[in-house]
Amino acid sequence: NYGSGKSDLARTYFRHRKRVDRHEIRH
């Protein structure tokens, strides 16, 4: 859900992967 920390987890552990985020695309 919103506020669960998805983006923080992605930045911390998965920077070596390409990231696709629909919310950011929308912005």
PDB file of all heavy atoms in Angstrom:
ATOM      1  N   ASN A   1       0.839  -1.199   0.000  1.00  0.00           N
ATOM      2  CA  ASN A   1       0.000   0.000   0.000  1.00  0.00           C
ATOM      3  C   ASN A   1       0.874   1.249   0.000  1.00  0.00           C
ATOM      4  O   ASN A   1       2.083   1.188   0.211  1.00  0.00           O
ATOM      5  CB  ASN A   1      -0.903   0.000   1.234  1.00  0.00           C
ATOM      6  CG  ASN A   1      -2.216   0.717   1.003  1.00  0.00           C
ATOM      7  OD1 ASN A   1      -2.300   1.665   0.245  1.00  0.00           O
ATOM      8  ND2 ASN A   1      -3.249   0.250   1.682  1.00  0.00           N
ATOM      9  N   TYR A   2       0.259   2.391  -0.247  1.00  0.00           N
ATOM     10  CA  TYR A   2       0.979   3.655  -0.158  1.00  0.00           C
ATOM     11  C   TYR A   2       1.498   3.831   1.270  1.00  0.00           C
ATOM     12  O   TYR A   2       0.785   3.596   2.234  1.00  0.00           O
ATOM     13  CB  TYR A   2       0.053   4.819  -0.514  1.00  0.00           C
ATOM     14  CG  TYR A   2      -0.424   4.807  -1.944  1.00  0.00           C
ATOM     15  CD1 TYR A   2      -1.742   4.490  -2.247  1.00  0.00           C
ATOM     16  CD2 TYR A   2       0.449   5.102  -2.985  1.00  0.00           C
ATOM     17  CE1 TYR A   2      -2.190   4.479  -3.566  1.00  0.00           C
ATOM     18  CE2 TYR A   2       0.017   5.090  -4.305  1.00  0.00           C
ATOM     19  CZ  TYR A   2      -1.303   4.780  -4.588  1.00  0.00           C
ATOM     20  OH  TYR A   2      -1.740   4.766  -5.889  1.00  0.00           O
ATOM     21  N   GLY A   3       2.775   4.218   1.391  1.00  0.00           N
ATOM     22  CA  GLY A   3       3.364   4.405   2.706  1.00  0.00           C
ATOM     23  C   GLY A   3       3.975   3.161   3.300  1.00  0.00           C
ATOM     24  O   GLY A   3       4.405   3.164   4.457  1.00  0.00           O
ATOM     25  N   SER A   4       4.046   2.078   2.527  1.00  0.00           N
ATOM     26  CA  SER A   4       4.601   0.824   3.063  1.00  0.00           C
ATOM     27  C   SER A   4       6.129   0.762   2.950  1.00  0.00           C
ATOM     28  O   SER A   4       6.758  -0.082   3.582  1.00  0.00           O
ATOM     29  CB  SER A   4       3.992  -0.382   2.341  1.00  0.00           C
ATOM     30  OG  SER A   4       4.261  -0.331   0.949  1.00  0.00           O
ATOM     31  N   GLY A   5       6.724   1.636   2.143  1.00  0.00           N
ATOM     32  CA  GLY A   5       8.185   1.665   2.039  1.00  0.00           C
ATOM     33  C   GLY A   5       8.750   0.967   0.814  1.00  0.00           C
ATOM     34  O   GLY A   5       9.916   0.564   0.826  1.00  0.00           O
ATOM     35  N   LYS A   6       7.969   0.839  -0.235  1.00  0.00           N
ATOM     36  CA  LYS A   6       8.426   0.135  -1.441  1.00  0.00           C
ATOM     37  C   LYS A   6       9.637   0.808  -2.071  1.00  0.00           C
ATOM     38  O   LYS A   6      10.626   0.149  -2.408  1.00  0.00           O
ATOM     39  CB  LYS A   6       7.288   0.056  -2.468  1.00  0.00           C
ATOM     40  CG  LYS A   6       6.071  -0.707  -2.006  1.00  0.00           C
ATOM     41  CD  LYS A   6       5.035  -0.856  -3.106  1.00  0.00           C
ATOM     42  CE  LYS A   6       4.518   0.477  -3.595  1.00  0.00           C
ATOM     43  NZ  LYS A   6       3.792   1.231  -2.540  1.00  0.00           N
ATOM     44  N   SER A   7       9.566   2.122  -2.226  1.00  0.00           N
ATOM     45  CA  SER A   7      10.657   2.846  -2.878  1.00  0.00           C
ATOM     46  C   SER A   7      11.932   2.797  -2.051  1.00  0.00           C
ATOM     47  O   SER A   7      13.040   2.677  -2.595  1.00  0.00           O
ATOM     48  CB  SER A   7      10.250   4.301  -3.140  1.00  0.00           C
ATOM     49  OG  SER A   7       9.162   4.361  -4.050  1.00  0.00           O
ATOM     50  N   ASP A   8      11.798   2.887  -0.732  1.00  0.00           N
ATOM     51  CA  ASP A   8      12.971   2.803   0.138  1.00  0.00           C
ATOM     52  C   ASP A   8      13.641   1.442   0.022  1.00  0.00           C
ATOM     53  O   ASP A   8      14.874   1.336  -0.046  1.00  0.00           O
ATOM     54  CB  ASP A   8      12.572   3.059   1.600  1.00  0.00           C
ATOM     55  CG  ASP A   8      12.218   4.512   1.862  1.00  0.00           C
ATOM     56  OD1 ASP A   8      12.645   5.377   1.064  1.00  0.00           O
ATOM     57  OD2 ASP A   8      11.524   4.781   2.853  1.00  0.00           O
ATOM     58  N   LEU A   9      12.840   0.382  -0.005  1.00  0.00           N
ATOM     59  CA  LEU A   9      13.388  -0.963  -0.151  1.00  0.00           C
ATOM     60  C   LEU A   9      14.091  -1.109  -1.497  1.00  0.00           C
ATOM     61  O   LEU A   9      15.180  -1.685  -1.581  1.00  0.00           O
ATOM     62  CB  LEU A   9      12.277  -2.004  -0.030  1.00  0.00           C
ATOM     63  CG  LEU A   9      12.726  -3.460  -0.107  1.00  0.00           C
ATOM     64  CD1 LEU A   9      13.482  -3.848   1.155  1.00  0.00           C
ATOM     65  CD2 LEU A   9      11.545  -4.392  -0.312  1.00  0.00           C
ATOM     66  N   ALA A  10      13.486  -0.571  -2.531  1.00  0.00           N
ATOM     67  CA  ALA A  10      14.072  -0.657  -3.867  1.00  0.00           C
ATOM     68  C   ALA A  10      15.429   0.038  -3.912  1.00  0.00           C
ATOM     69  O   ALA A  10      16.400  -0.498  -4.469  1.00  0.00           O
ATOM     70  CB  ALA A  10      13.132  -0.032  -4.893  1.00  0.00           C
ATOM     71  N   ARG A  11      15.500   1.229  -3.343  1.00  0.00           N
ATOM     72  CA  ARG A  11      16.764   1.973  -3.348  1.00  0.00           C
ATOM     73  C   ARG A  11      17.837   1.291  -2.524  1.00  0.00           C
ATOM     74  O   ARG A  11      19.018   1.326  -2.863  1.00  0.00           O
ATOM     75  CB  ARG A  11      16.532   3.397  -2.825  1.00  0.00           C
ATOM     76  CG  ARG A  11      15.899   4.334  -3.822  1.00  0.00           C
ATOM     77  CD  ARG A  11      15.946   5.769  -3.322  1.00  0.00           C
ATOM     78  NE  ARG A  11      15.133   5.943  -2.123  1.00  0.00           N
ATOM     79  CZ  ARG A  11      13.862   6.337  -2.143  1.00  0.00           C
ATOM     80  NH1 ARG A  11      13.269   6.571  -3.296  1.00  0.00           N
ATOM     81  NH2 ARG A  11      13.184   6.493  -1.020  1.00  0.00           N
ATOM     82  N   THR A  12      17.422   0.665  -1.432  1.00  0.00           N
ATOM     83  CA  THR A  12      18.399   0.070  -0.513  1.00  0.00           C
ATOM     84  C   THR A  12      18.977  -1.245  -1.029  1.00  0.00           C
ATOM     85  O   THR A  12      20.176  -1.485  -0.912  1.00  0.00           O
ATOM     86  CB  THR A  12      17.740  -0.176   0.859  1.00  0.00           C
ATOM     87  OG1 THR A  12      17.236   1.068   1.360  1.00  0.00           O
ATOM     88  CG2 THR A  12      18.747  -0.750   1.851  1.00  0.00           C
ATOM     89  N   TYR A  13      18.125  -2.092  -1.619  1.00  0.00           N
ATOM     90  CA  TYR A  13      18.554  -3.444  -1.953  1.00  0.00           C
ATOM     91  C   TYR A  13      18.610  -3.764  -3.443  1.00  0.00           C
ATOM     92  O   TYR A  13      19.212  -4.776  -3.825  1.00  0.00           O
ATOM     93  CB  TYR A  13      17.619  -4.466  -1.290  1.00  0.00           C
ATOM     94  CG  TYR A  13      17.698  -4.476   0.210  1.00  0.00           C
ATOM     95  CD1 TYR A  13      16.724  -3.844   0.977  1.00  0.00           C
ATOM     96  CD2 TYR A  13      18.752  -5.106   0.880  1.00  0.00           C
ATOM     97  CE1 TYR A  13      16.782  -3.848   2.357  1.00  0.00           C
ATOM     98  CE2 TYR A  13      18.824  -5.115   2.260  1.00  0.00           C
ATOM     99  CZ  TYR A  13      17.832  -4.476   2.996  1.00  0.00           C
ATOM    100  OH  TYR A  13      17.899  -4.481   4.357  1.00  0.00           O
ATOM    101  N   PHE A  14      17.993  -2.958  -4.284  1.00  0.00           N
ATOM    102  CA  PHE A  14      17.856  -3.371  -5.681  1.00  0.00           C
ATOM    103  C   PHE A  14      18.342  -2.335  -6.693  1.00  0.00           C
ATOM    104  O   PHE A  14      17.848  -2.282  -7.818  1.00  0.00           O
ATOM    105  CB  PHE A  14      16.388  -3.722  -5.966  1.00  0.00           C
ATOM    106  CG  PHE A  14      15.866  -4.865  -5.146  1.00  0.00           C
ATOM    107  CD1 PHE A  14      15.050  -4.624  -4.051  1.00  0.00           C
ATOM    108  CD2 PHE A  14      16.210  -6.176  -5.456  1.00  0.00           C
ATOM    109  CE1 PHE A  14      14.568  -5.682  -3.281  1.00  0.00           C
ATOM    110  CE2 PHE A  14      15.731  -7.233  -4.700  1.00  0.00           C
ATOM    111  CZ  PHE A  14      14.915  -6.991  -3.611  1.00  0.00           C
ATOM    112  N   ARG A  15      19.316  -1.544  -6.309  1.00  0.00           N
ATOM    113  CA  ARG A  15      19.832  -0.526  -7.234  1.00  0.00           C
ATOM    114  C   ARG A  15      20.504  -1.139  -8.466  1.00  0.00           C
ATOM    115  O   ARG A  15      20.685  -0.462  -9.475  1.00  0.00           O
ATOM    116  CB  ARG A  15      20.828   0.387  -6.517  1.00  0.00           C
ATOM    117  CG  ARG A  15      20.166   1.459  -5.661  1.00  0.00           C
ATOM    118  CD  ARG A  15      21.192   2.416  -5.090  1.00  0.00           C
ATOM    119  NE  ARG A  15      20.557   3.518  -4.394  1.00  0.00           N
ATOM    120  CZ  ARG A  15      20.176   4.650  -4.971  1.00  0.00           C
ATOM    121  NH1 ARG A  15      20.358   4.815  -6.260  1.00  0.00           N
ATOM    122  NH2 ARG A  15      19.615   5.618  -4.263  1.00  0.00           N
ATOM    123  N   HIS A  16      20.886  -2.401  -8.368  1.00  0.00           N
ATOM    124  CA  HIS A  16      21.552  -3.051  -9.505  1.00  0.00           C
ATOM    125  C   HIS A  16      20.559  -3.479 -10.578  1.00  0.00           C
ATOM    126  O   HIS A  16      20.967  -3.946 -11.644  1.00  0.00           O
ATOM    127  CB  HIS A  16      22.333  -4.272  -9.016  1.00  0.00           C
ATOM    128  CG  HIS A  16      21.500  -5.280  -8.286  1.00  0.00           C
ATOM    129  ND1 HIS A  16      20.957  -5.046  -7.044  1.00  0.00           N
ATOM    130  CD2 HIS A  16      21.102  -6.534  -8.635  1.00  0.00           C
ATOM    131  CE1 HIS A  16      20.278  -6.105  -6.648  1.00  0.00           C
ATOM    132  NE2 HIS A  16      20.341  -7.030  -7.600  1.00  0.00           N
ATOM    133  N   ARG A  17      19.261  -3.306 -10.323  1.00  0.00           N
ATOM    134  CA  ARG A  17      18.234  -3.667 -11.304  1.00  0.00           C
ATOM    135  C   ARG A  17      17.634  -2.412 -11.939  1.00  0.00           C
ATOM    136  O   ARG A  17      17.603  -1.347 -11.324  1.00  0.00           O
ATOM    137  CB  ARG A  17      17.097  -4.460 -10.642  1.00  0.00           C
ATOM    138  CG  ARG A  17      17.462  -5.871 -10.233  1.00  0.00           C
ATOM    139  CD  ARG A  17      16.314  -6.539  -9.507  1.00  0.00           C
ATOM    140  NE  ARG A  17      16.625  -7.925  -9.198  1.00  0.00           N
ATOM    141  CZ  ARG A  17      16.258  -8.965  -9.931  1.00  0.00           C
ATOM    142  NH1 ARG A  17      15.519  -8.766 -11.025  1.00  0.00           N
ATOM    143  NH2 ARG A  17      16.587 -10.187  -9.598  1.00  0.00           N
ATOM    144  N   LYS A  18      17.128  -2.565 -13.153  1.00  0.00           N
ATOM    145  CA  LYS A  18      16.349  -1.500 -13.761  1.00  0.00           C
ATOM    146  C   LYS A  18      14.991  -1.461 -13.070  1.00  0.00           C
ATOM    147  O   LYS A  18      14.393  -2.499 -12.813  1.00  0.00           O
ATOM    148  CB  LYS A  18      16.169  -1.749 -15.264  1.00  0.00           C
ATOM    149  CG  LYS A  18      17.466  -1.693 -16.054  1.00  0.00           C
ATOM    150  CD  LYS A  18      18.104  -0.312 -15.987  1.00  0.00           C
ATOM    151  CE  LYS A  18      19.351  -0.251 -16.857  1.00  0.00           C
ATOM    152  NZ  LYS A  18      20.032   1.069 -16.779  1.00  0.00           N
ATOM    153  N   ARG A  19      14.507  -0.270 -12.804  1.00  0.00           N
ATOM    154  CA  ARG A  19      13.281  -0.105 -12.023  1.00  0.00           C
ATOM    155  C   ARG A  19      12.178   0.526 -12.859  1.00  0.00           C
ATOM    156  O   ARG A  19      12.411   1.500 -13.576  1.00  0.00           O
ATOM    157  CB  ARG A  19      13.562   0.759 -10.796  1.00  0.00           C
ATOM    158  CG  ARG A  19      12.346   1.102  -9.951  1.00  0.00           C
ATOM    159  CD  ARG A  19      12.804   1.769  -8.660  1.00  0.00           C
ATOM    160  NE  ARG A  19      11.685   2.332  -7.910  1.00  0.00           N
ATOM    161  CZ  ARG A  19      11.323   3.608  -7.949  1.00  0.00           C
ATOM    162  NH1 ARG A  19      12.006   4.452  -8.696  1.00  0.00           N
ATOM    163  NH2 ARG A  19      10.298   4.035  -7.241  1.00  0.00           N
ATOM    164  N   VAL A  20      10.974  -0.028 -12.751  1.00  0.00           N
ATOM    165  CA  VAL A  20       9.798   0.528 -13.408  1.00  0.00           C
ATOM    166  C   VAL A  20       8.749   0.798 -12.328  1.00  0.00           C
ATOM    167  O   VAL A  20       8.380  -0.114 -11.588  1.00  0.00           O
ATOM    168  CB  VAL A  20       9.227  -0.428 -14.477  1.00  0.00           C
ATOM    169  CG1 VAL A  20       7.943   0.151 -15.069  1.00  0.00           C
ATOM    170  CG2 VAL A  20      10.254  -0.679 -15.574  1.00  0.00           C
ATOM    171  N   ASP A  21       8.290   2.042 -12.256  1.00  0.00           N
ATOM    172  CA  ASP A  21       7.351   2.454 -11.215  1.00  0.00           C
ATOM    173  C   ASP A  21       6.221   3.242 -11.879  1.00  0.00           C
ATOM    174  O   ASP A  21       6.423   4.352 -12.360  1.00  0.00           O
ATOM    175  CB  ASP A  21       8.075   3.326 -10.188  1.00  0.00           C
ATOM    176  CG  ASP A  21       7.180   3.749  -9.030  1.00  0.00           C
ATOM    177  OD1 ASP A  21       5.951   3.840  -9.222  1.00  0.00           O
ATOM    178  OD2 ASP A  21       7.715   3.997  -7.935  1.00  0.00           O
ATOM    179  N   ARG A  22       5.030   2.656 -11.920  1.00  0.00           N
ATOM    180  CA  ARG A  22       3.894   3.308 -12.584  1.00  0.00           C
ATOM    181  C   ARG A  22       3.557   4.655 -11.946  1.00  0.00           C
ATOM    182  O   ARG A  22       3.188   5.609 -12.639  1.00  0.00           O
ATOM    183  CB  ARG A  22       2.672   2.402 -12.552  1.00  0.00           C
ATOM    184  CG  ARG A  22       1.503   2.943 -13.384  1.00  0.00           C
ATOM    185  CD  ARG A  22       0.241   2.158 -13.134  1.00  0.00           C
ATOM    186  NE  ARG A  22       0.401   0.732 -13.411  1.00  0.00           N
ATOM    187  CZ  ARG A  22      -0.521  -0.185 -13.114  1.00  0.00           C
ATOM    188  NH1 ARG A  22      -1.648   0.193 -12.525  1.00  0.00           N
ATOM    189  NH2 ARG A  22      -0.312  -1.461 -13.376  1.00  0.00           N
ATOM    190  N   HIS A  23       3.680   4.736 -10.629  1.00  0.00           N
ATOM    191  CA  HIS A  23       3.363   5.975  -9.929  1.00  0.00           C
ATOM    192  C   HIS A  23       4.278   7.107 -10.396  1.00  0.00           C
ATOM    193  O   HIS A  23       3.830   8.241 -10.628  1.00  0.00           O
ATOM    194  CB  HIS A  23       3.494   5.766  -8.420  1.00  0.00           C
ATOM    195  CG  HIS A  23       2.945   6.879  -7.589  1.00  0.00           C
ATOM    196  ND1 HIS A  23       1.614   7.217  -7.581  1.00  0.00           N
ATOM    197  CD2 HIS A  23       3.557   7.752  -6.743  1.00  0.00           C
ATOM    198  CE1 HIS A  23       1.409   8.241  -6.763  1.00  0.00           C
ATOM    199  NE2 HIS A  23       2.577   8.584  -6.243  1.00  0.00           N
ATOM    200  N   GLU A  24       5.565   6.815 -10.552  1.00  0.00           N
ATOM    201  CA  GLU A  24       6.504   7.838 -10.991  1.00  0.00           C
ATOM    202  C   GLU A  24       6.285   8.189 -12.462  1.00  0.00           C
ATOM    203  O   GLU A  24       6.458   9.347 -12.864  1.00  0.00           O
ATOM    204  CB  GLU A  24       7.947   7.376 -10.751  1.00  0.00           C
ATOM    205  CG  GLU A  24       8.312   7.350  -9.287  1.00  0.00           C
ATOM    206  CD  GLU A  24       9.806   7.211  -9.053  1.00  0.00           C
ATOM    207  OE1 GLU A  24      10.580   7.442 -10.011  1.00  0.00           O
ATOM    208  OE2 GLU A  24      10.194   6.871  -7.927  1.00  0.00           O
ATOM    209  N   ILE A  25       5.927   7.199 -13.272  1.00  0.00           N
ATOM    210  CA  ILE A  25       5.599   7.479 -14.678  1.00  0.00           C
ATOM    211  C   ILE A  25       4.453   8.481 -14.734  1.00  0.00           C
ATOM    212  O   ILE A  25       4.462   9.437 -15.515  1.00  0.00           O
ATOM    213  CB  ILE A  25       5.210   6.189 -15.430  1.00  0.00           C
ATOM    214  CG1 ILE A  25       6.394   5.229 -15.504  1.00  0.00           C
ATOM    215  CG2 ILE A  25       4.726   6.522 -16.840  1.00  0.00           C
ATOM    216  CD1 ILE A  25       6.050   3.871 -16.083  1.00  0.00           C
ATOM    217  N   ARG A  26       3.457   8.267 -13.885  1.00  0.00           N
ATOM    218  CA  ARG A  26       2.285   9.150 -13.842  1.00  0.00           C
ATOM    219  C   ARG A  26       2.696  10.582 -13.494  1.00  0.00           C
ATOM    220  O   ARG A  26       2.234  11.552 -14.111  1.00  0.00           O
ATOM    221  CB  ARG A  26       1.283   8.608 -12.835  1.00  0.00           C
ATOM    222  CG  ARG A  26      -0.035   9.346 -12.797  1.00  0.00           C
ATOM    223  CD  ARG A  26      -0.984   8.736 -11.775  1.00  0.00           C
ATOM    224  NE  ARG A  26      -1.427   7.404 -12.165  1.00  0.00           N
ATOM    225  CZ  ARG A  26      -1.114   6.285 -11.525  1.00  0.00           C
ATOM    226  NH1 ARG A  26      -0.324   6.335 -10.448  1.00  0.00           N
ATOM    227  NH2 ARG A  26      -1.568   5.113 -11.924  1.00  0.00           N
ATOM    228  N   HIS A  27       3.570  10.721 -12.498  1.00  0.00           N
ATOM    229  CA  HIS A  27       4.029  12.053 -12.091  1.00  0.00           C
ATOM    230  C   HIS A  27       4.814  12.736 -13.209  1.00  0.00           C
ATOM    231  O   HIS A  27       4.588  13.914 -13.524  1.00  0.00           O
ATOM    232  CB  HIS A  27       4.890  11.953 -10.828  1.00  0.00           C
ATOM    233  CG  HIS A  27       4.091  11.878  -9.567  1.00  0.00           C
ATOM    234  ND1 HIS A  27       3.678  13.000  -8.866  1.00  0.00           N
ATOM    235  CD2 HIS A  27       3.608  10.818  -8.873  1.00  0.00           C
ATOM    236  CE1 HIS A  27       2.989  12.631  -7.807  1.00  0.00           C
ATOM    237  NE2 HIS A  27       2.934  11.312  -7.778  1.00  0.00           N
TER     238      HIS A  27
END
